[in-house]
């Protein structure tokens, strides 16, 4: 490593900018990789801070989050690293039985 005490204020600011940009790149790479683990229609669960576990269905994949529709029709935008898949069934790919009335 190098001695930060020898850097000027301008050099430190430039270094800070470069570090922040690199951290953003790494976070985006991790998010992108995690996004690929989910498909629209997947059953998932997550636990918001200070709340009970929420179960729902993936309805949309955004740039940084996944939109989940819960049982009460509330939409949540959740980072993919906080989601856990519930089984292997996908509600879109499931065989739907047509009920005739």
N, C-alpha and C. Protein backbone atom coordinates (compact mmCIF):
# COMPACT_ATOMS: atom_id res chain seq x y z
N UNK A 1 0.82 -1.17 0.00
CA UNK A 1 0.00 0.00 0.00
C UNK A 1 0.87 1.25 0.00
N UNK A 2 0.27 2.38 -0.20
CA UNK A 2 1.06 3.60 -0.23
C UNK A 2 0.64 4.54 0.88
N UNK A 3 1.49 5.53 1.15
CA UNK A 3 1.28 6.46 2.25
C UNK A 3 0.38 7.61 1.81
N UNK A 4 -0.83 7.66 2.34
CA UNK A 4 -1.78 8.71 1.97
C UNK A 4 -1.35 10.08 2.46
N UNK A 5 -0.55 10.12 3.51
CA UNK A 5 -0.13 11.40 4.07
C UNK A 5 0.75 12.20 3.11
N UNK A 6 1.27 11.56 2.08
CA UNK A 6 2.13 12.24 1.11
C UNK A 6 1.34 12.82 -0.06
N UNK A 7 0.05 12.55 -0.12
CA UNK A 7 -0.76 13.04 -1.23
C UNK A 7 -1.31 14.44 -0.94
N UNK A 8 -1.42 15.23 -2.00
CA UNK A 8 -2.01 16.57 -1.87
C UNK A 8 -3.54 16.44 -1.79
N UNK A 9 -4.16 17.55 -1.46
CA UNK A 9 -5.62 17.56 -1.38
C UNK A 9 -6.22 17.19 -2.74
N UNK A 10 -5.71 17.75 -3.81
CA UNK A 10 -6.20 17.45 -5.16
C UNK A 10 -6.02 15.96 -5.48
N UNK A 11 -4.88 15.40 -5.13
CA UNK A 11 -4.63 13.98 -5.39
C UNK A 11 -5.59 13.10 -4.56
N UNK A 12 -5.84 13.50 -3.32
CA UNK A 12 -6.77 12.74 -2.48
C UNK A 12 -8.18 12.79 -3.04
N UNK A 13 -8.61 13.95 -3.52
CA UNK A 13 -9.94 14.08 -4.11
C UNK A 13 -10.08 13.22 -5.37
N UNK A 14 -9.03 13.22 -6.18
CA UNK A 14 -9.03 12.39 -7.39
C UNK A 14 -9.07 10.91 -7.02
N UNK A 15 -8.29 10.54 -6.04
CA UNK A 15 -8.28 9.15 -5.58
C UNK A 15 -9.66 8.77 -5.05
N UNK A 16 -10.27 9.65 -4.27
CA UNK A 16 -11.60 9.39 -3.73
C UNK A 16 -12.60 9.18 -4.86
N UNK A 17 -12.58 10.02 -5.86
CA UNK A 17 -13.49 9.89 -7.00
C UNK A 17 -13.31 8.54 -7.69
N UNK A 18 -12.07 8.16 -7.88
CA UNK A 18 -11.77 6.88 -8.54
C UNK A 18 -12.22 5.69 -7.69
N UNK A 19 -12.04 5.77 -6.39
CA UNK A 19 -12.46 4.68 -5.50
C UNK A 19 -13.98 4.55 -5.51
N UNK A 20 -14.69 5.67 -5.43
CA UNK A 20 -16.15 5.64 -5.44
C UNK A 20 -16.67 5.05 -6.75
N UNK A 21 -16.10 5.45 -7.87
CA UNK A 21 -16.51 4.91 -9.17
C UNK A 21 -16.28 3.42 -9.25
N UNK A 22 -15.14 2.97 -8.75
CA UNK A 22 -14.83 1.53 -8.78
C UNK A 22 -15.80 0.75 -7.90
N UNK A 23 -16.13 1.29 -6.73
CA UNK A 23 -17.10 0.62 -5.85
C UNK A 23 -18.46 0.53 -6.52
N UNK A 24 -18.87 1.56 -7.23
CA UNK A 24 -20.14 1.54 -7.96
C UNK A 24 -20.12 0.46 -9.04
N UNK A 25 -19.00 0.34 -9.76
CA UNK A 25 -18.86 -0.69 -10.79
C UNK A 25 -19.00 -2.08 -10.18
N UNK A 26 -18.32 -2.32 -9.06
CA UNK A 26 -18.38 -3.63 -8.41
C UNK A 26 -19.78 -3.94 -7.92
N UNK A 27 -20.47 -2.93 -7.37
CA UNK A 27 -21.83 -3.14 -6.90
C UNK A 27 -22.77 -3.46 -8.06
N UNK A 28 -22.59 -2.76 -9.18
CA UNK A 28 -23.41 -3.02 -10.36
C UNK A 28 -23.17 -4.43 -10.90
N UNK A 29 -21.92 -4.87 -10.91
CA UNK A 29 -21.61 -6.23 -11.35
C UNK A 29 -22.28 -7.26 -10.46
N UNK A 30 -22.23 -7.04 -9.14
CA UNK A 30 -22.85 -7.98 -8.21
C UNK A 30 -24.37 -7.99 -8.39
N UNK A 31 -24.95 -6.80 -8.55
CA UNK A 31 -26.40 -6.71 -8.74
C UNK A 31 -26.81 -7.40 -10.03
N UNK A 32 -26.07 -7.17 -11.10
CA UNK A 32 -26.39 -7.80 -12.39
C UNK A 32 -26.32 -9.31 -12.29
N UNK A 33 -25.31 -9.82 -11.62
CA UNK A 33 -25.19 -11.27 -11.46
C UNK A 33 -26.35 -11.82 -10.64
N UNK A 34 -26.74 -11.10 -9.58
CA UNK A 34 -27.85 -11.54 -8.74
C UNK A 34 -29.17 -11.47 -9.48
N UNK A 35 -29.33 -10.48 -10.36
CA UNK A 35 -30.57 -10.32 -11.13
C UNK A 35 -30.81 -11.54 -12.01
N UNK A 36 -29.74 -12.12 -12.52
CA UNK A 36 -29.87 -13.27 -13.41
C UNK A 36 -30.39 -14.51 -12.69
N UNK A 37 -30.38 -14.49 -11.36
CA UNK A 37 -30.87 -15.63 -10.58
C UNK A 37 -32.40 -15.68 -10.54
N UNK A 38 -33.07 -14.60 -10.99
CA UNK A 38 -34.52 -14.53 -10.88
C UNK A 38 -35.17 -14.27 -12.24
N UNK A 39 -36.39 -14.81 -12.38
CA UNK A 39 -37.17 -14.66 -13.59
C UNK A 39 -38.55 -14.15 -13.19
N UNK A 40 -39.17 -13.38 -14.06
CA UNK A 40 -40.52 -12.93 -13.80
C UNK A 40 -41.41 -14.15 -13.59
N UNK A 41 -42.18 -14.13 -12.51
CA UNK A 41 -43.04 -15.25 -12.16
C UNK A 41 -42.50 -16.12 -11.04
N UNK A 42 -41.23 -15.92 -10.67
CA UNK A 42 -40.65 -16.71 -9.57
C UNK A 42 -41.30 -16.34 -8.24
N UNK A 43 -41.52 -17.35 -7.40
CA UNK A 43 -41.99 -17.12 -6.04
C UNK A 43 -40.77 -16.84 -5.18
N UNK A 44 -40.82 -15.75 -4.40
CA UNK A 44 -39.69 -15.34 -3.59
C UNK A 44 -40.16 -14.90 -2.20
N UNK A 45 -39.18 -14.73 -1.31
CA UNK A 45 -39.46 -14.16 0.00
C UNK A 45 -38.29 -13.25 0.38
N UNK A 46 -38.58 -12.30 1.28
CA UNK A 46 -37.56 -11.42 1.81
C UNK A 46 -38.06 -10.86 3.13
N UNK A 47 -37.16 -10.33 3.93
CA UNK A 47 -37.54 -9.78 5.23
C UNK A 47 -37.11 -8.32 5.31
N UNK A 48 -38.07 -7.39 5.21
CA UNK A 48 -37.73 -5.97 5.35
C UNK A 48 -37.26 -5.68 6.78
N UNK A 49 -36.39 -4.70 6.97
CA UNK A 49 -35.90 -4.39 8.31
C UNK A 49 -37.05 -4.09 9.28
N UNK A 50 -37.07 -4.79 10.40
CA UNK A 50 -38.06 -4.57 11.43
C UNK A 50 -39.45 -5.09 11.11
N UNK A 51 -39.59 -5.90 10.08
CA UNK A 51 -40.91 -6.41 9.69
C UNK A 51 -40.86 -7.93 9.56
N UNK A 52 -42.04 -8.50 9.37
CA UNK A 52 -42.17 -9.94 9.15
C UNK A 52 -41.73 -10.29 7.73
N UNK A 53 -41.44 -11.55 7.51
CA UNK A 53 -41.06 -12.02 6.18
C UNK A 53 -42.21 -11.81 5.20
N UNK A 54 -41.87 -11.33 4.01
CA UNK A 54 -42.85 -11.07 2.95
C UNK A 54 -42.65 -12.12 1.87
N UNK A 55 -43.75 -12.73 1.42
CA UNK A 55 -43.71 -13.68 0.30
C UNK A 55 -44.44 -13.06 -0.87
N UNK A 56 -43.91 -13.29 -2.06
CA UNK A 56 -44.56 -12.74 -3.24
C UNK A 56 -44.03 -13.33 -4.52
N UNK A 57 -44.34 -12.64 -5.61
CA UNK A 57 -43.98 -13.09 -6.96
C UNK A 57 -43.23 -11.98 -7.67
N UNK A 58 -42.15 -12.35 -8.36
CA UNK A 58 -41.39 -11.39 -9.16
C UNK A 58 -42.26 -10.94 -10.33
N UNK A 59 -42.49 -9.62 -10.44
CA UNK A 59 -43.31 -9.12 -11.55
C UNK A 59 -42.52 -8.21 -12.49
N UNK A 60 -41.32 -7.76 -12.07
CA UNK A 60 -40.54 -6.88 -12.93
C UNK A 60 -39.08 -6.86 -12.47
N UNK A 61 -38.17 -6.78 -13.44
CA UNK A 61 -36.76 -6.64 -13.14
C UNK A 61 -36.33 -5.24 -13.56
N UNK A 62 -35.92 -4.43 -12.59
CA UNK A 62 -35.48 -3.07 -12.84
C UNK A 62 -33.96 -3.04 -12.97
N UNK A 63 -33.39 -1.85 -13.03
CA UNK A 63 -31.94 -1.74 -13.17
C UNK A 63 -31.20 -2.26 -11.94
N UNK A 64 -31.66 -1.86 -10.74
CA UNK A 64 -30.98 -2.25 -9.51
C UNK A 64 -31.84 -3.07 -8.56
N UNK A 65 -33.13 -3.14 -8.82
CA UNK A 65 -34.03 -3.85 -7.92
C UNK A 65 -34.97 -4.76 -8.70
N UNK A 66 -35.65 -5.61 -7.96
CA UNK A 66 -36.67 -6.49 -8.52
C UNK A 66 -37.99 -6.13 -7.86
N UNK A 67 -39.03 -5.94 -8.66
CA UNK A 67 -40.34 -5.63 -8.11
C UNK A 67 -41.06 -6.92 -7.77
N UNK A 68 -41.51 -6.99 -6.51
CA UNK A 68 -42.20 -8.17 -5.99
C UNK A 68 -43.61 -7.75 -5.60
N UNK A 69 -44.59 -8.54 -6.03
CA UNK A 69 -45.99 -8.32 -5.66
C UNK A 69 -46.32 -9.30 -4.55
N UNK A 70 -46.72 -8.76 -3.37
CA UNK A 70 -47.01 -9.66 -2.26
C UNK A 70 -48.48 -10.10 -2.25
N UNK A 71 -48.86 -10.88 -1.26
CA UNK A 71 -50.21 -11.44 -1.18
C UNK A 71 -51.30 -10.39 -1.00
N UNK A 72 -50.92 -9.20 -0.52
CA UNK A 72 -51.90 -8.13 -0.31
C UNK A 72 -51.90 -7.14 -1.47
N UNK A 73 -51.27 -7.50 -2.58
CA UNK A 73 -51.16 -6.67 -3.78
C UNK A 73 -50.29 -5.43 -3.58
N UNK A 74 -49.40 -5.47 -2.60
CA UNK A 74 -48.44 -4.38 -2.39
C UNK A 74 -47.19 -4.68 -3.20
N UNK A 75 -46.66 -3.67 -3.88
CA UNK A 75 -45.44 -3.83 -4.68
C UNK A 75 -44.24 -3.38 -3.87
N UNK A 76 -43.20 -4.19 -3.90
CA UNK A 76 -41.95 -3.90 -3.21
C UNK A 76 -40.82 -3.88 -4.24
N UNK A 77 -39.93 -2.90 -4.17
CA UNK A 77 -38.71 -2.89 -4.98
C UNK A 77 -37.57 -3.33 -4.08
N UNK A 78 -37.03 -4.51 -4.37
CA UNK A 78 -36.08 -5.16 -3.48
C UNK A 78 -34.78 -5.44 -4.22
N UNK A 79 -33.62 -5.10 -3.63
CA UNK A 79 -32.36 -5.51 -4.24
C UNK A 79 -32.31 -7.04 -4.32
N UNK A 80 -31.85 -7.59 -5.42
CA UNK A 80 -31.88 -9.05 -5.60
C UNK A 80 -31.09 -9.82 -4.54
N UNK A 81 -30.09 -9.20 -3.93
CA UNK A 81 -29.32 -9.93 -2.92
C UNK A 81 -30.14 -10.20 -1.66
N UNK A 82 -31.29 -9.54 -1.50
CA UNK A 82 -32.15 -9.75 -0.34
C UNK A 82 -33.28 -10.74 -0.61
N UNK A 83 -33.37 -11.24 -1.83
CA UNK A 83 -34.44 -12.16 -2.20
C UNK A 83 -34.00 -13.61 -2.07
N UNK A 84 -34.94 -14.46 -1.65
CA UNK A 84 -34.70 -15.90 -1.59
C UNK A 84 -35.81 -16.56 -2.39
N UNK A 85 -35.41 -17.42 -3.32
CA UNK A 85 -36.39 -18.13 -4.14
C UNK A 85 -37.14 -19.14 -3.28
N UNK A 86 -38.45 -19.24 -3.53
CA UNK A 86 -39.31 -20.18 -2.82
C UNK A 86 -39.63 -21.34 -3.76
N UNK A 87 -38.84 -22.37 -3.71
CA UNK A 87 -39.06 -23.53 -4.57
C UNK A 87 -38.63 -23.26 -6.00
N UNK A 88 -39.04 -24.16 -6.89
CA UNK A 88 -38.63 -24.05 -8.29
C UNK A 88 -39.79 -23.67 -9.21
N UNK A 89 -41.00 -23.61 -8.65
CA UNK A 89 -42.18 -23.31 -9.46
C UNK A 89 -42.20 -21.85 -9.88
N UNK A 90 -42.53 -21.64 -11.14
CA UNK A 90 -42.69 -20.29 -11.68
C UNK A 90 -44.16 -20.16 -12.06
N UNK A 91 -44.84 -19.14 -11.52
CA UNK A 91 -46.29 -19.04 -11.74
C UNK A 91 -46.64 -18.79 -13.20
N UNK A 92 -45.75 -18.23 -13.97
CA UNK A 92 -46.03 -17.98 -15.39
C UNK A 92 -45.89 -19.28 -16.18
N UNK A 93 -44.91 -20.11 -15.80
CA UNK A 93 -44.68 -21.34 -16.52
C UNK A 93 -45.57 -22.49 -16.05
N UNK A 94 -46.29 -22.30 -14.94
CA UNK A 94 -47.15 -23.36 -14.39
C UNK A 94 -48.28 -23.65 -15.36
N UNK A 95 -48.72 -24.90 -15.34
CA UNK A 95 -49.87 -25.28 -16.16
C UNK A 95 -51.13 -24.74 -15.49
N UNK A 96 -51.88 -23.95 -16.22
CA UNK A 96 -53.10 -23.37 -15.68
C UNK A 96 -54.29 -24.17 -16.19
N UNK A 97 -55.15 -24.56 -15.26
CA UNK A 97 -56.34 -25.31 -15.61
C UNK A 97 -57.47 -24.31 -15.86
N UNK A 98 -58.13 -24.42 -16.99
CA UNK A 98 -59.23 -23.54 -17.32
C UNK A 98 -60.48 -24.07 -16.66
N UNK A 99 -61.10 -23.24 -15.84
CA UNK A 99 -62.32 -23.62 -15.13
C UNK A 99 -63.50 -23.10 -15.94
N UNK A 100 -64.36 -24.01 -16.32
CA UNK A 100 -65.53 -23.63 -17.10
C UNK A 100 -66.71 -23.48 -16.15
N UNK A 101 -67.43 -22.37 -16.30
CA UNK A 101 -68.52 -22.09 -15.38
C UNK A 101 -69.87 -22.40 -15.90
